[in-house]
Amino acid sequence: MRDYKKYDVWNLAHAITKDIYLVSQNFPREELFGLTSQIRRAAISIPSNIAEGCGRGSDKEFARFVEISIGSTNETEYQLFLAFDLNFIDLENYELLAERLNILRQKLIQLRKKLLE
């Protein structure tokens, strides 16, 4: 069984998730069950699926969970854009998190390709 904590993609996803939680603390209170909840669930899905995939028996199964993580990265990126567009976060935080999500997506795509070779 793989140790998900040893994967760079998991560590990056975990760090981004923590930052999403911190940034979303400043979202309007009326968004608690809306965008705040949604962006947090999407972000936490990224490292969670990597961790779950590490517990699977084959590279093909692990690759499927990495693929789900890629989708959650896309979802988080859009919700981050929406939060910026609604002025819930500033440009600096938006650009920093968007760039880190893009790097994470690229690393996840590379990992998926490796697993399917």
Protein backbone atom coordinates (compact mmCIF):
# COMPACT_ATOMS: atom_id res chain seq x y z
CA MET A 1 0.00 0.00 0.00
CA ARG A 2 1.25 3.48 -0.92
CA ASP A 3 1.78 6.23 1.65
CA TYR A 4 -0.10 9.24 0.27
CA LYS A 5 1.88 11.64 2.50
CA LYS A 6 5.02 10.83 0.49
CA TYR A 7 3.52 12.17 -2.75
CA ASP A 8 4.43 15.75 -3.67
CA VAL A 9 1.02 16.19 -5.29
CA TRP A 10 -0.73 15.25 -2.05
CA ASN A 11 1.42 17.67 -0.03
CA LEU A 12 0.72 20.49 -2.48
CA ALA A 13 -3.01 19.67 -2.53
CA HIS A 14 -3.09 19.59 1.27
CA ALA A 15 -1.36 22.99 1.50
CA ILE A 16 -3.74 24.52 -1.05
CA THR A 17 -6.73 23.11 0.83
CA LYS A 18 -5.54 24.70 4.07
CA ASP A 19 -5.11 28.03 2.27
CA ILE A 20 -8.59 27.77 0.72
CA TYR A 21 -10.00 27.24 4.21
CA LEU A 22 -8.15 30.30 5.51
CA VAL A 23 -9.11 32.56 2.60
CA SER A 24 -12.75 31.46 2.68
CA GLN A 25 -13.05 32.44 6.36
CA ASN A 26 -13.43 36.00 5.07
CA PHE A 27 -16.30 35.22 2.69
CA PRO A 28 -19.63 36.85 3.61
CA ARG A 29 -21.58 35.05 6.31
CA GLU A 30 -24.52 34.51 3.97
CA GLU A 31 -22.20 32.37 1.80
CA LEU A 32 -21.51 29.89 4.62
CA PHE A 33 -23.77 27.27 3.04
CA GLY A 34 -23.10 28.48 -0.51
CA LEU A 35 -19.73 29.28 -2.02
CA THR A 36 -17.80 28.89 1.25
CA SER A 37 -19.00 25.33 1.69
CA GLN A 38 -18.69 24.48 -2.01
CA ILE A 39 -15.11 25.70 -2.48
CA ARG A 40 -14.00 23.95 0.70
CA ARG A 41 -15.61 20.65 -0.36
CA ALA A 42 -14.06 20.88 -3.83
CA ALA A 43 -10.62 21.68 -2.40
CA ILE A 44 -10.70 18.91 0.21
CA SER A 45 -11.72 16.45 -2.49
CA ILE A 46 -8.34 16.86 -4.20
CA PRO A 47 -6.06 15.44 -1.46
CA SER A 48 -8.81 13.09 -0.25
CA ASN A 49 -9.01 11.32 -3.61
CA ILE A 50 -5.23 11.06 -3.83
CA ALA A 51 -5.23 9.45 -0.37
CA GLU A 52 -8.05 7.09 -1.28
CA GLY A 53 -6.36 6.15 -4.55
CA CYS A 54 -3.18 5.25 -2.68
CA GLY A 55 -5.16 2.61 -0.82
CA ARG A 56 -6.31 0.91 -4.00
CA GLY A 57 -4.72 -2.24 -5.32
CA SER A 58 -3.60 -1.24 -8.78
CA ASP A 59 -2.07 1.66 -10.68
CA LYS A 60 -5.17 1.77 -12.88
CA GLU A 61 -7.44 2.24 -9.86
CA PHE A 62 -5.10 4.85 -8.39
CA ALA A 63 -5.11 6.69 -11.74
CA ARG A 64 -8.92 6.87 -11.62
CA PHE A 65 -8.80 8.66 -8.25
CA VAL A 66 -6.10 10.99 -9.56
CA GLU A 67 -8.46 11.78 -12.45
CA ILE A 68 -11.18 12.69 -9.95
CA SER A 69 -8.66 14.94 -8.19
CA ILE A 70 -8.00 16.70 -11.50
CA GLY A 71 -11.72 17.37 -11.85
CA SER A 72 -11.87 18.73 -8.30
CA THR A 73 -8.89 20.97 -9.09
CA ASN A 74 -10.84 22.42 -12.02
CA GLU A 75 -13.91 22.89 -9.83
CA THR A 76 -11.88 24.64 -7.12
CA GLU A 77 -10.24 26.88 -9.70
CA TYR A 78 -13.62 28.04 -11.01
CA GLN A 79 -15.01 28.66 -7.54
CA LEU A 80 -11.89 30.65 -6.70
CA PHE A 81 -12.46 32.74 -9.84
CA LEU A 82 -16.08 33.31 -8.80
CA ALA A 83 -14.98 34.37 -5.31
CA PHE A 84 -12.58 36.87 -6.89
CA ASP A 85 -15.21 38.08 -9.35
CA LEU A 86 -17.58 38.70 -6.43
CA ASN A 87 -14.82 40.58 -4.55
CA PHE A 88 -14.66 37.97 -1.78
CA ILE A 89 -10.87 37.69 -2.24
CA ASP A 90 -8.27 40.15 -3.46
CA LEU A 91 -6.22 39.91 -6.64
CA GLU A 92 -3.03 38.82 -4.85
CA ASN A 93 -4.67 35.83 -3.14
CA TYR A 94 -6.56 34.91 -6.28
CA GLU A 95 -3.45 34.92 -8.48
CA LEU A 96 -1.35 33.01 -5.95
CA LEU A 97 -3.94 30.28 -5.42
CA ALA A 98 -4.85 30.05 -9.11
CA GLU A 99 -1.18 29.57 -10.03
CA ARG A 100 -0.71 26.89 -7.37
CA LEU A 101 -3.85 25.10 -8.59
CA ASN A 102 -2.49 25.19 -12.14
CA ILE A 103 0.82 23.68 -11.00
CA LEU A 104 -1.06 21.03 -9.04
CA ARG A 105 -3.22 20.15 -12.06
CA GLN A 106 -0.10 19.72 -14.22
CA LYS A 107 1.50 17.45 -11.61
CA LEU A 108 -1.68 15.39 -11.29
CA ILE A 109 -1.86 14.95 -15.06
CA GLN A 110 1.78 13.78 -15.09
CA LEU A 111 1.13 11.35 -12.25
CA ARG A 112 -1.94 9.94 -14.02
CA LYS A 113 0.07 9.40 -17.23
CA LYS A 114 2.80 7.61 -15.28
CA LEU A 115 0.33 5.34 -13.57
CA LEU A 116 -1.23 4.35 -16.90
CA GLU A 117 2.06 3.58 -18.72
